[in-house]
Amino acid sequence: MTRNIADIRRDYEGGTLDQTQVPTDPLALFDEWLTLALDVEPDDANAMTLATVDSQGMPHARIVLLKGVDDAGLVFYTNYHSHKGSELTNVPHAALTFWWPKLSRQVRIEGRVERVAEAESDAYFSSRPRGSQLGAWIATQSVVIPDRDWIEQRQRRFETAYDGQDIPRPVHWGGYRVHPEMIEFWQGQPSRLHDRIRYQRRDNQAWEHLRLAP
């Protein structure tokens, strides 16, 4: 390694985050932050780290794309037979992390996970580009394969099979909704004196929010 990464530094600056000014519903604040992030860094604003846990308690994380937000939670789509799909079957809880460097903002979300309704998965699948629809059939996600040629041969087979036809959604592919139980907003500030507001569900399902030390 030619550079000492311990010497990499940046001073974070951004807007303020005042616990007396934030909304009672954290998803309203999340929508506000996401909207601004989409304006400032539109290519990757909906990218998020998804962390799951397997049956042995080992954590696993990867980047996925947020594809929907509503009052119930946050939605992403994947192959149900993938590693993350298997992990969510065994332990239906997950953590999400969004990082928007140009805004010096991070959001952490934790909650239970369930599959979205089939009609919702069908509607989203039909909106995807044809190449992405085919990809859901071609990619047997997380399975060990011999080489790139295996994928390309499989691609040609499915392109031929669905030539001139609508492509149906595979039964092994669809959406998950993360129902938040905790949402933490982090706003970077100079000298590492960051603003942090954490929302937590009470037993009655109402939200409470507290300010945390940096």
N, C-alpha and C. Protein backbone atom coordinates (compact mmCIF):
# COMPACT_ATOMS: atom_id res chain seq x y z
N MET A 1 0.85 -1.19 0.00
CA MET A 1 0.00 0.00 0.00
C MET A 1 0.89 1.24 0.00
N THR A 2 0.69 2.12 -0.99
CA THR A 2 1.57 3.27 -1.15
C THR A 2 1.12 4.48 -0.33
N ARG A 3 -0.09 4.44 0.20
CA ARG A 3 -0.59 5.59 0.95
C ARG A 3 -1.04 5.16 2.33
N ASN A 4 -0.71 5.94 3.31
CA ASN A 4 -1.12 5.64 4.68
C ASN A 4 -2.56 6.09 4.87
N ILE A 5 -3.48 5.12 4.88
CA ILE A 5 -4.90 5.48 4.97
C ILE A 5 -5.25 6.10 6.31
N ALA A 6 -4.40 5.89 7.34
CA ALA A 6 -4.67 6.51 8.63
C ALA A 6 -4.59 8.04 8.55
N ASP A 7 -3.93 8.55 7.51
CA ASP A 7 -3.79 10.00 7.36
C ASP A 7 -4.89 10.63 6.50
N ILE A 8 -5.81 9.80 5.98
CA ILE A 8 -6.89 10.35 5.16
C ILE A 8 -7.91 11.03 6.08
N ARG A 9 -8.17 12.28 5.82
CA ARG A 9 -9.09 13.03 6.64
C ARG A 9 -9.97 13.94 5.78
N ARG A 10 -11.15 14.24 6.28
CA ARG A 10 -11.98 15.28 5.69
C ARG A 10 -12.79 15.90 6.81
N ASP A 11 -13.10 17.17 6.67
CA ASP A 11 -13.95 17.82 7.64
C ASP A 11 -15.37 17.82 7.09
N TYR A 12 -16.30 17.32 7.87
CA TYR A 12 -17.68 17.22 7.41
C TYR A 12 -18.42 18.53 7.68
N GLU A 13 -19.19 18.95 6.68
CA GLU A 13 -20.01 20.14 6.83
C GLU A 13 -21.33 19.90 6.14
N GLY A 14 -22.38 20.45 6.70
CA GLY A 14 -23.69 20.31 6.09
C GLY A 14 -24.71 21.09 6.86
N GLY A 15 -25.98 20.80 6.61
CA GLY A 15 -27.05 21.46 7.33
C GLY A 15 -27.09 21.04 8.78
N THR A 16 -27.89 21.72 9.55
CA THR A 16 -28.05 21.37 10.95
C THR A 16 -29.16 20.34 11.10
N LEU A 17 -29.16 19.68 12.24
CA LEU A 17 -30.19 18.70 12.56
C LEU A 17 -30.59 18.94 14.01
N ASP A 18 -31.70 19.61 14.19
CA ASP A 18 -32.17 20.06 15.51
C ASP A 18 -33.35 19.20 15.93
N GLN A 19 -33.22 18.55 17.09
CA GLN A 19 -34.29 17.64 17.52
C GLN A 19 -35.60 18.36 17.82
N THR A 20 -35.55 19.68 18.02
CA THR A 20 -36.79 20.43 18.27
C THR A 20 -37.50 20.80 16.97
N GLN A 21 -36.85 20.59 15.83
CA GLN A 21 -37.42 20.99 14.55
C GLN A 21 -37.80 19.81 13.66
N VAL A 22 -37.42 18.59 14.02
CA VAL A 22 -37.67 17.45 13.14
C VAL A 22 -39.13 17.00 13.26
N PRO A 23 -39.67 16.36 12.21
CA PRO A 23 -41.06 15.88 12.26
C PRO A 23 -41.22 14.70 13.21
N THR A 24 -42.45 14.45 13.62
CA THR A 24 -42.71 13.32 14.51
C THR A 24 -42.56 11.99 13.79
N ASP A 25 -42.76 11.98 12.48
CA ASP A 25 -42.65 10.76 11.68
C ASP A 25 -41.29 10.74 10.99
N PRO A 26 -40.42 9.78 11.31
CA PRO A 26 -39.09 9.75 10.70
C PRO A 26 -39.12 9.50 9.20
N LEU A 27 -40.15 8.82 8.69
CA LEU A 27 -40.21 8.58 7.25
C LEU A 27 -40.45 9.88 6.48
N ALA A 28 -41.07 10.87 7.13
CA ALA A 28 -41.22 12.18 6.50
C ALA A 28 -39.86 12.85 6.37
N LEU A 29 -39.03 12.75 7.42
CA LEU A 29 -37.69 13.31 7.35
C LEU A 29 -36.84 12.54 6.35
N PHE A 30 -36.97 11.22 6.32
CA PHE A 30 -36.22 10.42 5.36
C PHE A 30 -36.58 10.84 3.93
N ASP A 31 -37.86 11.02 3.66
CA ASP A 31 -38.29 11.43 2.32
C ASP A 31 -37.68 12.79 1.95
N GLU A 32 -37.62 13.70 2.92
CA GLU A 32 -37.01 15.01 2.67
C GLU A 32 -35.53 14.87 2.33
N TRP A 33 -34.81 14.05 3.11
CA TRP A 33 -33.38 13.86 2.86
C TRP A 33 -33.14 13.14 1.54
N LEU A 34 -33.94 12.11 1.25
CA LEU A 34 -33.76 11.37 0.00
C LEU A 34 -34.03 12.27 -1.21
N THR A 35 -35.06 13.09 -1.12
CA THR A 35 -35.38 14.00 -2.23
C THR A 35 -34.21 14.92 -2.53
N LEU A 36 -33.60 15.47 -1.48
CA LEU A 36 -32.44 16.33 -1.69
C LEU A 36 -31.26 15.54 -2.25
N ALA A 37 -31.05 14.34 -1.73
CA ALA A 37 -29.94 13.51 -2.22
C ALA A 37 -30.12 13.18 -3.69
N LEU A 38 -31.34 12.92 -4.12
CA LEU A 38 -31.60 12.62 -5.54
C LEU A 38 -31.27 13.82 -6.42
N ASP A 39 -31.44 15.02 -5.88
CA ASP A 39 -31.08 16.22 -6.64
C ASP A 39 -29.57 16.42 -6.70
N VAL A 40 -28.88 16.13 -5.59
CA VAL A 40 -27.45 16.42 -5.48
C VAL A 40 -26.58 15.33 -6.10
N GLU A 41 -26.93 14.06 -5.88
CA GLU A 41 -26.15 12.95 -6.42
C GLU A 41 -27.12 11.88 -6.95
N PRO A 42 -27.76 12.16 -8.09
CA PRO A 42 -28.87 11.34 -8.56
C PRO A 42 -28.52 9.91 -8.94
N ASP A 43 -27.28 9.64 -9.32
CA ASP A 43 -26.95 8.30 -9.81
C ASP A 43 -27.03 7.24 -8.73
N ASP A 44 -26.65 7.57 -7.52
CA ASP A 44 -26.55 6.54 -6.48
C ASP A 44 -27.29 6.90 -5.19
N ALA A 45 -28.16 7.88 -5.23
CA ALA A 45 -28.82 8.31 -4.00
C ALA A 45 -29.68 7.21 -3.38
N ASN A 46 -30.19 6.28 -4.21
CA ASN A 46 -31.02 5.20 -3.68
C ASN A 46 -30.23 3.93 -3.39
N ALA A 47 -28.91 4.00 -3.48
CA ALA A 47 -28.08 2.84 -3.12
C ALA A 47 -28.00 2.73 -1.60
N MET A 48 -28.11 1.53 -1.08
CA MET A 48 -28.08 1.34 0.37
C MET A 48 -27.38 0.03 0.69
N THR A 49 -26.72 0.01 1.82
CA THR A 49 -26.14 -1.23 2.33
C THR A 49 -27.23 -2.01 3.05
N LEU A 50 -27.42 -3.24 2.65
CA LEU A 50 -28.38 -4.14 3.30
C LEU A 50 -27.59 -5.17 4.11
N ALA A 51 -27.82 -5.22 5.40
CA ALA A 51 -27.15 -6.19 6.27
C ALA A 51 -28.18 -7.19 6.78
N THR A 52 -27.84 -8.47 6.65
CA THR A 52 -28.68 -9.56 7.12
C THR A 52 -27.84 -10.49 7.98
N VAL A 53 -28.50 -11.45 8.61
CA VAL A 53 -27.81 -12.40 9.49
C VAL A 53 -28.22 -13.81 9.10
N ASP A 54 -27.22 -14.71 9.00
CA ASP A 54 -27.58 -16.09 8.65
C ASP A 54 -27.96 -16.88 9.89
N SER A 55 -28.27 -18.17 9.69
CA SER A 55 -28.76 -19.00 10.80
C SER A 55 -27.70 -19.26 11.87
N GLN A 56 -26.43 -18.99 11.55
CA GLN A 56 -25.35 -19.16 12.52
C GLN A 56 -25.01 -17.84 13.23
N GLY A 57 -25.77 -16.80 12.92
CA GLY A 57 -25.51 -15.50 13.54
C GLY A 57 -24.44 -14.69 12.86
N MET A 58 -23.97 -15.14 11.70
CA MET A 58 -22.93 -14.41 10.96
C MET A 58 -23.58 -13.30 10.14
N PRO A 59 -23.11 -12.05 10.28
CA PRO A 59 -23.68 -10.97 9.50
C PRO A 59 -23.13 -10.94 8.08
N HIS A 60 -23.95 -10.45 7.15
CA HIS A 60 -23.55 -10.31 5.76
C HIS A 60 -24.11 -8.97 5.25
N ALA A 61 -23.31 -8.25 4.46
CA ALA A 61 -23.75 -6.95 3.95
C ALA A 61 -23.41 -6.82 2.48
N ARG A 62 -24.25 -6.07 1.76
CA ARG A 62 -24.03 -5.82 0.34
C ARG A 62 -24.84 -4.57 -0.03
N ILE A 63 -24.52 -4.00 -1.20
CA ILE A 63 -25.25 -2.84 -1.69
C ILE A 63 -26.42 -3.30 -2.55
N VAL A 64 -27.61 -2.76 -2.26
CA VAL A 64 -28.79 -2.98 -3.10
C VAL A 64 -29.42 -1.62 -3.36
N LEU A 65 -30.47 -1.59 -4.18
CA LEU A 65 -31.11 -0.34 -4.54
C LEU A 65 -32.51 -0.23 -3.93
N LEU A 66 -32.76 0.88 -3.29
CA LEU A 66 -34.09 1.19 -2.79
C LEU A 66 -35.00 1.45 -3.98
N LYS A 67 -36.17 0.78 -4.00
CA LYS A 67 -37.07 0.95 -5.13
C LYS A 67 -38.46 1.44 -4.73
N GLY A 68 -38.66 1.70 -3.46
CA GLY A 68 -39.95 2.23 -3.04
C GLY A 68 -39.94 2.60 -1.57
N VAL A 69 -40.68 3.65 -1.23
CA VAL A 69 -40.86 4.06 0.16
C VAL A 69 -42.33 4.41 0.34
N ASP A 70 -42.94 3.89 1.38
CA ASP A 70 -44.32 4.26 1.71
C ASP A 70 -44.46 4.30 3.22
N ASP A 71 -45.67 4.50 3.71
CA ASP A 71 -45.88 4.61 5.15
C ASP A 71 -45.50 3.34 5.89
N ALA A 72 -45.51 2.21 5.18
CA ALA A 72 -45.20 0.92 5.82
C ALA A 72 -43.71 0.64 5.89
N GLY A 73 -42.93 1.21 4.96
CA GLY A 73 -41.50 0.92 5.00
C GLY A 73 -40.80 1.14 3.69
N LEU A 74 -39.65 0.47 3.55
CA LEU A 74 -38.76 0.65 2.40
C LEU A 74 -38.66 -0.66 1.62
N VAL A 75 -38.71 -0.57 0.29
CA VAL A 75 -38.83 -1.75 -0.55
C VAL A 75 -37.61 -1.91 -1.46
N PHE A 76 -37.13 -3.14 -1.57
CA PHE A 76 -36.11 -3.50 -2.55
C PHE A 76 -36.50 -4.84 -3.17
N TYR A 77 -35.86 -5.18 -4.30
CA TYR A 77 -36.20 -6.40 -5.03
C TYR A 77 -34.95 -7.25 -5.24
N THR A 78 -35.17 -8.57 -5.25
CA THR A 78 -34.04 -9.48 -5.41
C THR A 78 -34.55 -10.88 -5.72
N ASN A 79 -33.61 -11.80 -5.90
CA ASN A 79 -33.91 -13.21 -6.08
C ASN A 79 -34.16 -13.82 -4.69
N TYR A 80 -35.31 -14.43 -4.51
CA TYR A 80 -35.64 -15.02 -3.20
C TYR A 80 -34.70 -16.17 -2.83
N HIS A 81 -34.05 -16.78 -3.85
CA HIS A 81 -33.15 -17.90 -3.59
C HIS A 81 -31.70 -17.46 -3.38
N SER A 82 -31.45 -16.17 -3.40
CA SER A 82 -30.10 -15.67 -3.17
C SER A 82 -29.73 -15.86 -1.70
N HIS A 83 -28.45 -15.58 -1.39
CA HIS A 83 -28.02 -15.68 0.00
C HIS A 83 -28.85 -14.77 0.89
N LYS A 84 -29.07 -13.52 0.46
CA LYS A 84 -29.84 -12.61 1.31
C LYS A 84 -31.28 -13.07 1.46
N GLY A 85 -31.84 -13.67 0.38
CA GLY A 85 -33.18 -14.20 0.48
C GLY A 85 -33.28 -15.34 1.49
N SER A 86 -32.30 -16.24 1.46
CA SER A 86 -32.27 -17.35 2.42
C SER A 86 -32.10 -16.84 3.84
N GLU A 87 -31.24 -15.84 4.00
CA GLU A 87 -31.00 -15.27 5.33
C GLU A 87 -32.25 -14.60 5.87
N LEU A 88 -32.99 -13.90 5.00
CA LEU A 88 -34.21 -13.23 5.45
C LEU A 88 -35.32 -14.23 5.76
N THR A 89 -35.29 -15.40 5.12
CA THR A 89 -36.24 -16.45 5.47
C THR A 89 -35.98 -16.96 6.88
N ASN A 90 -34.70 -17.14 7.22
CA ASN A 90 -34.35 -17.66 8.54
C ASN A 90 -34.43 -16.60 9.64
N VAL A 91 -33.99 -15.40 9.32
CA VAL A 91 -33.99 -14.30 10.30
C VAL A 91 -34.59 -13.08 9.60
N PRO A 92 -35.90 -12.86 9.74
CA PRO A 92 -36.57 -11.81 8.97
C PRO A 92 -36.40 -10.40 9.55
N HIS A 93 -35.16 -10.03 9.76
CA HIS A 93 -34.80 -8.69 10.24
C HIS A 93 -33.58 -8.23 9.45
N ALA A 94 -33.48 -6.92 9.26
CA ALA A 94 -32.37 -6.39 8.47
C ALA A 94 -32.02 -4.99 8.94
N ALA A 95 -30.83 -4.55 8.52
CA ALA A 95 -30.38 -3.17 8.75
C ALA A 95 -30.02 -2.57 7.40
N LEU A 96 -30.36 -1.30 7.22
CA LEU A 96 -30.05 -0.55 6.01
C LEU A 96 -29.19 0.65 6.38
N THR A 97 -28.27 1.02 5.49
CA THR A 97 -27.49 2.23 5.67
C THR A 97 -27.41 2.99 4.36
N PHE A 98 -27.77 4.26 4.41
CA PHE A 98 -27.61 5.17 3.28
C PHE A 98 -26.48 6.14 3.60
N TRP A 99 -25.64 6.44 2.60
CA TRP A 99 -24.54 7.39 2.78
C TRP A 99 -24.55 8.33 1.59
N TRP A 100 -24.72 9.62 1.88
CA TRP A 100 -24.74 10.66 0.86
C TRP A 100 -23.58 11.61 1.13
N PRO A 101 -22.40 11.33 0.56
CA PRO A 101 -21.18 12.08 0.91
C PRO A 101 -21.24 13.57 0.59
N LYS A 102 -21.90 13.94 -0.52
CA LYS A 102 -21.94 15.36 -0.86
C LYS A 102 -22.75 16.18 0.15
N LEU A 103 -23.63 15.52 0.86
CA LEU A 103 -24.44 16.19 1.88
C LEU A 103 -23.92 15.93 3.28
N SER A 104 -22.89 15.08 3.40
CA SER A 104 -22.38 14.66 4.71
C SER A 104 -23.52 14.11 5.57
N ARG A 105 -24.30 13.22 4.97
CA ARG A 105 -25.46 12.65 5.67
C ARG A 105 -25.46 11.13 5.58
N GLN A 106 -25.88 10.53 6.67
CA GLN A 106 -26.05 9.08 6.75
C GLN A 106 -27.39 8.80 7.43
N VAL A 107 -28.05 7.74 6.97
CA VAL A 107 -29.27 7.26 7.63
C VAL A 107 -29.12 5.77 7.88
N ARG A 108 -29.39 5.35 9.11
CA ARG A 108 -29.39 3.94 9.48
C ARG A 108 -30.81 3.53 9.83
N ILE A 109 -31.22 2.35 9.33
CA ILE A 109 -32.57 1.85 9.56
C ILE A 109 -32.50 0.39 9.96
N GLU A 110 -33.26 0.02 10.96
CA GLU A 110 -33.34 -1.38 11.39
C GLU A 110 -34.81 -1.76 11.53
N GLY A 111 -35.13 -3.01 11.15
CA GLY A 111 -36.51 -3.43 11.30
C GLY A 111 -36.76 -4.83 10.80
N ARG A 112 -38.01 -5.26 10.95
CA ARG A 112 -38.40 -6.58 10.46
C ARG A 112 -38.67 -6.50 8.96
N VAL A 113 -38.60 -7.66 8.32
CA VAL A 113 -38.71 -7.71 6.86
C VAL A 113 -39.76 -8.75 6.46
N GLU A 114 -40.53 -8.42 5.44
CA GLU A 114 -41.45 -9.39 4.86
C GLU A 114 -41.52 -9.17 3.35
N ARG A 115 -41.94 -10.20 2.65
CA ARG A 115 -42.11 -10.06 1.21
C ARG A 115 -43.29 -9.13 0.90
N VAL A 116 -43.17 -8.37 -0.17
CA VAL A 116 -44.30 -7.56 -0.60
C VAL A 116 -45.32 -8.46 -1.27
N ALA A 117 -46.53 -7.96 -1.47
CA ALA A 117 -47.58 -8.73 -2.14
C ALA A 117 -47.15 -9.04 -3.57
N GLU A 118 -47.60 -10.20 -4.08
CA GLU A 118 -47.23 -10.61 -5.43
C GLU A 118 -47.64 -9.58 -6.47
N ALA A 119 -48.80 -8.94 -6.28
CA ALA A 119 -49.25 -7.93 -7.23
C ALA A 119 -48.29 -6.75 -7.28
N GLU A 120 -47.71 -6.40 -6.14
CA GLU A 120 -46.74 -5.30 -6.09
C GLU A 120 -45.46 -5.69 -6.82
N SER A 121 -45.01 -6.92 -6.61
CA SER A 121 -43.82 -7.40 -7.34
C SER A 121 -44.10 -7.47 -8.84
N ASP A 122 -45.30 -7.92 -9.21
CA ASP A 122 -45.66 -7.99 -10.64
C ASP A 122 -45.62 -6.60 -11.28
N ALA A 123 -46.17 -5.62 -10.58
CA ALA A 123 -46.24 -4.27 -11.13
C ALA A 123 -44.85 -3.69 -11.32
N TYR A 124 -43.97 -3.90 -10.33
CA TYR A 124 -42.62 -3.37 -10.49
C TYR A 124 -41.87 -4.11 -11.59
N PHE A 125 -42.01 -5.44 -11.63
CA PHE A 125 -41.31 -6.22 -12.65
C PHE A 125 -41.70 -5.76 -14.06
N SER A 126 -42.98 -5.48 -14.27
CA SER A 126 -43.44 -5.08 -15.59
C SER A 126 -42.91 -3.71 -15.99
N SER A 127 -42.47 -2.90 -15.01
CA SER A 127 -41.93 -1.58 -15.31
C SER A 127 -40.44 -1.62 -15.65
N ARG A 128 -39.79 -2.76 -15.45
CA ARG A 128 -38.35 -2.84 -15.67
C ARG A 128 -38.03 -2.93 -17.16
N PRO A 129 -36.83 -2.49 -17.55
CA PRO A 129 -36.41 -2.69 -18.94
C PRO A 129 -36.37 -4.19 -19.27
N ARG A 130 -36.56 -4.51 -20.53
CA ARG A 130 -36.62 -5.92 -20.94
C ARG A 130 -35.34 -6.67 -20.56
N GLY A 131 -34.19 -6.01 -20.70
CA GLY A 131 -32.95 -6.67 -20.34
C GLY A 131 -32.90 -7.05 -18.87
N SER A 132 -33.43 -6.17 -18.01
CA SER A 132 -33.47 -6.47 -16.58
C SER A 132 -34.46 -7.58 -16.28
N GLN A 133 -35.58 -7.61 -17.01
CA GLN A 133 -36.54 -8.70 -16.84
C GLN A 133 -35.90 -10.04 -17.18
N LEU A 134 -35.19 -10.07 -18.31
CA LEU A 134 -34.49 -11.30 -18.68
C LEU A 134 -33.44 -11.68 -17.64
N GLY A 135 -32.76 -10.66 -17.10
CA GLY A 135 -31.73 -10.92 -16.11
C GLY A 135 -32.25 -11.66 -14.89
N ALA A 136 -33.50 -11.40 -14.52
CA ALA A 136 -34.08 -12.10 -13.36
C ALA A 136 -34.22 -13.60 -13.63
N TRP A 137 -34.39 -13.98 -14.90
CA TRP A 137 -34.45 -15.40 -15.27
C TRP A 137 -33.04 -15.98 -15.46
N ILE A 138 -32.16 -15.18 -16.02
CA ILE A 138 -30.82 -15.68 -16.38
C ILE A 138 -29.97 -15.95 -15.15
N ALA A 139 -29.99 -15.01 -14.20
CA ALA A 139 -29.08 -15.07 -13.06
C ALA A 139 -29.64 -15.95 -11.95
N THR A 140 -29.03 -17.09 -11.73
CA THR A 140 -29.36 -17.92 -10.56
C THR A 140 -28.48 -17.42 -9.42
N GLN A 141 -28.90 -16.33 -8.83
CA GLN A 141 -28.06 -15.52 -7.97
C GLN A 141 -27.42 -16.30 -6.82
N SER A 142 -26.12 -16.07 -6.64
CA SER A 142 -25.30 -16.63 -5.56
C SER A 142 -24.87 -18.07 -5.79
N VAL A 143 -25.34 -18.70 -6.89
CA VAL A 143 -24.92 -20.07 -7.20
C VAL A 143 -23.54 -20.02 -7.85
N VAL A 144 -22.66 -20.97 -7.49
CA VAL A 144 -21.33 -21.05 -8.10
C VAL A 144 -21.47 -21.47 -9.56
N ILE A 145 -20.81 -20.75 -10.47
CA ILE A 145 -20.85 -21.06 -11.90
C ILE A 145 -19.44 -21.22 -12.42
N PRO A 146 -19.26 -21.95 -13.56
CA PRO A 146 -17.91 -22.25 -14.03
C PRO A 146 -17.17 -21.06 -14.64
N ASP A 147 -17.90 -20.20 -15.37
CA ASP A 147 -17.22 -19.10 -16.06
C ASP A 147 -18.26 -18.14 -16.62
N ARG A 148 -17.78 -17.06 -17.27
CA ARG A 148 -18.67 -16.06 -17.86
C ARG A 148 -19.47 -16.65 -19.02
N ASP A 149 -18.88 -17.59 -19.72
CA ASP A 149 -19.56 -18.18 -20.87
C ASP A 149 -20.86 -18.86 -20.45
N TRP A 150 -20.89 -19.40 -19.26
CA TRP A 150 -22.11 -20.05 -18.74
C TRP A 150 -23.26 -19.07 -18.72
N ILE A 151 -23.00 -17.85 -18.25
CA ILE A 151 -24.02 -16.80 -18.20
C ILE A 151 -24.46 -16.42 -19.62
N GLU A 152 -23.48 -16.24 -20.52
CA GLU A 152 -23.81 -15.79 -21.86
C GLU A 152 -24.62 -16.82 -22.64
N GLN A 153 -24.32 -18.10 -22.43
CA GLN A 153 -25.11 -19.14 -23.07
C GLN A 153 -26.54 -19.13 -22.53
N ARG A 154 -26.65 -18.98 -21.22
CA ARG A 154 -27.97 -18.94 -20.59
C ARG A 154 -28.76 -17.72 -21.08
N GLN A 155 -28.08 -16.61 -21.27
CA GLN A 155 -28.73 -15.41 -21.79
C GLN A 155 -29.30 -15.66 -23.18
N ARG A 156 -28.53 -16.30 -24.04
CA ARG A 156 -29.01 -16.58 -25.39
C ARG A 156 -30.24 -17.50 -25.37
N ARG A 157 -30.24 -18.46 -24.47
CA ARG A 157 -31.39 -19.38 -24.39
C ARG A 157 -32.66 -18.64 -24.00
N PHE A 158 -32.56 -17.77 -23.01
CA PHE A 158 -33.76 -17.06 -22.56
C PHE A 158 -34.20 -16.00 -23.56
N GLU A 159 -33.25 -15.37 -24.23
CA GLU A 159 -33.62 -14.42 -25.28
C GLU A 159 -34.40 -15.12 -26.39
N THR A 160 -33.99 -16.33 -26.73
CA THR A 160 -34.69 -17.10 -27.75
C THR A 160 -36.06 -17.54 -27.25
N ALA A 161 -36.11 -18.00 -26.01
CA ALA A 161 -37.36 -18.51 -25.44
C ALA A 161 -38.44 -17.45 -25.36
N TYR A 162 -38.06 -16.20 -25.07
CA TYR A 162 -39.04 -15.12 -24.91
C TYR A 162 -39.05 -14.15 -26.08
N ASP A 163 -38.47 -14.54 -27.20
CA ASP A 163 -38.44 -13.66 -28.37
C ASP A 163 -39.87 -13.32 -28.81
N GLY A 164 -40.15 -12.01 -28.85
CA GLY A 164 -41.47 -11.57 -29.29
C GLY A 164 -42.57 -11.76 -28.27
N GLN A 165 -42.23 -12.10 -27.03
CA GLN A 165 -43.24 -12.36 -26.01
C GLN A 165 -43.01 -11.44 -24.81
N ASP A 166 -44.09 -11.21 -24.05
CA ASP A 166 -43.93 -10.56 -22.75
C ASP A 166 -43.20 -11.51 -21.82
N ILE A 167 -42.40 -10.95 -20.93
CA ILE A 167 -41.62 -11.77 -20.01
C ILE A 167 -42.31 -11.78 -18.65
N PRO A 168 -42.72 -12.94 -18.16
CA PRO A 168 -43.40 -13.00 -16.86
C PRO A 168 -42.38 -12.88 -15.71
N ARG A 169 -42.86 -12.46 -14.58
CA ARG A 169 -41.98 -12.39 -13.40
C ARG A 169 -41.71 -13.81 -12.90
N PRO A 170 -40.44 -14.16 -12.67
CA PRO A 170 -40.14 -15.47 -12.09
C PRO A 170 -40.73 -15.57 -10.67
N VAL A 171 -41.18 -16.74 -10.30
CA VAL A 171 -41.75 -16.89 -8.96
C VAL A 171 -40.67 -16.75 -7.88
N HIS A 172 -39.40 -16.91 -8.27
CA HIS A 172 -38.31 -16.82 -7.30
C HIS A 172 -37.77 -15.39 -7.18
N TRP A 173 -38.43 -14.43 -7.76
CA TRP A 173 -37.94 -13.05 -7.77
C TRP A 173 -39.06 -12.11 -7.32
N GLY A 174 -38.72 -11.17 -6.43
CA GLY A 174 -39.75 -10.23 -5.98
C GLY A 174 -39.22 -9.29 -4.92
N GLY A 175 -40.13 -8.62 -4.26
CA GLY A 175 -39.76 -7.55 -3.35
C GLY A 175 -39.81 -7.92 -1.88
N TYR A 176 -39.05 -7.15 -1.12
CA TYR A 176 -39.09 -7.20 0.35
C TYR A 176 -39.37 -5.80 0.87
N ARG A 177 -40.11 -5.72 1.94
CA ARG A 177 -40.34 -4.44 2.62
C ARG A 177 -39.74 -4.49 4.02
N VAL A 178 -38.88 -3.52 4.30
CA VAL A 178 -38.32 -3.37 5.64
C VAL A 178 -39.23 -2.44 6.42
N HIS A 179 -39.80 -2.95 7.50
CA HIS A 179 -40.68 -2.16 8.38
C HIS A 179 -39.81 -1.56 9.49
N PRO A 180 -39.56 -0.27 9.45
CA PRO A 180 -38.59 0.31 10.40
C PRO A 180 -39.06 0.25 11.85
N GLU A 181 -38.13 -0.11 12.71
CA GLU A 181 -38.33 -0.04 14.15
C GLU A 181 -37.37 0.97 14.78
N MET A 182 -36.29 1.28 14.05
CA MET A 182 -35.33 2.30 14.45
C MET A 182 -34.83 3.01 13.20
N ILE A 183 -34.79 4.34 13.24
CA ILE A 183 -34.20 5.13 12.17
C ILE A 183 -33.31 6.20 12.81
N GLU A 184 -32.05 6.22 12.39
CA GLU A 184 -31.12 7.21 12.93
C GLU A 184 -30.60 8.10 11.81
N PHE A 185 -30.68 9.40 12.03
CA PHE A 185 -30.20 10.40 11.08
C PHE A 185 -28.90 11.00 11.61
N TRP A 186 -27.91 11.05 10.73
CA TRP A 186 -26.57 11.56 11.07
C TRP A 186 -26.22 12.67 10.11
N GLN A 187 -25.94 13.84 10.66
CA GLN A 187 -25.52 14.99 9.85
C GLN A 187 -24.11 15.37 10.25
N GLY A 188 -23.17 15.22 9.32
CA GLY A 188 -21.79 15.54 9.61
C GLY A 188 -21.60 17.02 9.94
N GLN A 189 -20.70 17.27 10.91
CA GLN A 189 -20.39 18.64 11.33
C GLN A 189 -18.88 18.76 11.53
N PRO A 190 -18.35 19.98 11.50
CA PRO A 190 -16.91 20.15 11.69
C PRO A 190 -16.44 19.62 13.04
N SER A 191 -15.16 19.27 13.08
CA SER A 191 -14.49 18.80 14.30
C SER A 191 -15.12 17.53 14.86
N ARG A 192 -15.80 16.78 14.01
CA ARG A 192 -16.43 15.50 14.40
C ARG A 192 -17.54 15.68 15.44
N LEU A 193 -18.08 16.89 15.57
CA LEU A 193 -19.17 17.15 16.52
C LEU A 193 -20.49 17.02 15.76
N HIS A 194 -20.78 15.81 15.31
CA HIS A 194 -21.88 15.56 14.41
C HIS A 194 -23.23 15.63 15.12
N ASP A 195 -24.27 15.88 14.33
CA ASP A 195 -25.65 15.82 14.84
C ASP A 195 -26.21 14.43 14.59
N ARG A 196 -26.81 13.84 15.62
CA ARG A 196 -27.43 12.52 15.50
C ARG A 196 -28.78 12.53 16.18
N ILE A 197 -29.81 12.15 15.44
CA ILE A 197 -31.16 12.00 15.98
C ILE A 197 -31.62 10.58 15.73
N ARG A 198 -32.03 9.90 16.78
CA ARG A 198 -32.51 8.52 16.64
C ARG A 198 -33.99 8.45 16.97
N TYR A 199 -34.76 7.85 16.05
CA TYR A 199 -36.17 7.56 16.27
C TYR A 199 -36.30 6.09 16.64
N GLN A 200 -37.14 5.81 17.64
CA GLN A 200 -37.37 4.44 18.07
C GLN A 200 -38.87 4.22 18.26
N ARG A 201 -39.35 3.06 17.83
CA ARG A 201 -40.76 2.73 18.05
C ARG A 201 -40.99 2.39 19.51
N ARG A 202 -42.03 2.94 20.08
CA ARG A 202 -42.48 2.52 21.41
C ARG A 202 -43.35 1.29 21.28
N ASP A 203 -43.72 0.71 22.41
CA ASP A 203 -44.57 -0.48 22.39
C ASP A 203 -45.92 -0.19 21.75
N ASN A 204 -46.40 1.04 21.86
CA ASN A 204 -47.69 1.40 21.25
C ASN A 204 -47.55 1.80 19.79
N GLN A 205 -46.34 1.58 19.22
CA GLN A 205 -46.03 1.85 17.81
C GLN A 205 -45.84 3.32 17.50
N ALA A 206 -45.98 4.21 18.49
CA ALA A 206 -45.67 5.62 18.26
C ALA A 206 -44.15 5.78 18.23
N TRP A 207 -43.71 6.84 17.58
CA TRP A 207 -42.28 7.11 17.49
C TRP A 207 -41.85 8.09 18.58
N GLU A 208 -40.68 7.84 19.16
CA GLU A 208 -40.02 8.84 19.99
C GLU A 208 -38.65 9.12 19.38
N HIS A 209 -38.16 10.34 19.57
CA HIS A 209 -36.83 10.63 19.04
C HIS A 209 -35.99 11.33 20.09
N LEU A 210 -34.69 11.00 20.05
CA LEU A 210 -33.72 11.50 21.02
C LEU A 210 -32.48 11.95 20.28
N ARG A 211 -31.78 12.90 20.87
CA ARG A 211 -30.50 13.32 20.32
C ARG A 211 -29.40 12.47 20.95
N LEU A 212 -28.45 12.00 20.14
CA LEU A 212 -27.35 11.18 20.61
C LEU A 212 -26.05 11.99 20.53
N ALA A 213 -25.11 11.66 21.40
CA ALA A 213 -23.78 12.24 21.31
C ALA A 213 -23.15 11.82 19.99
N PRO A 214 -22.25 12.65 19.43
CA PRO A 214 -21.61 12.31 18.15
C PRO A 214 -20.93 10.94 18.18
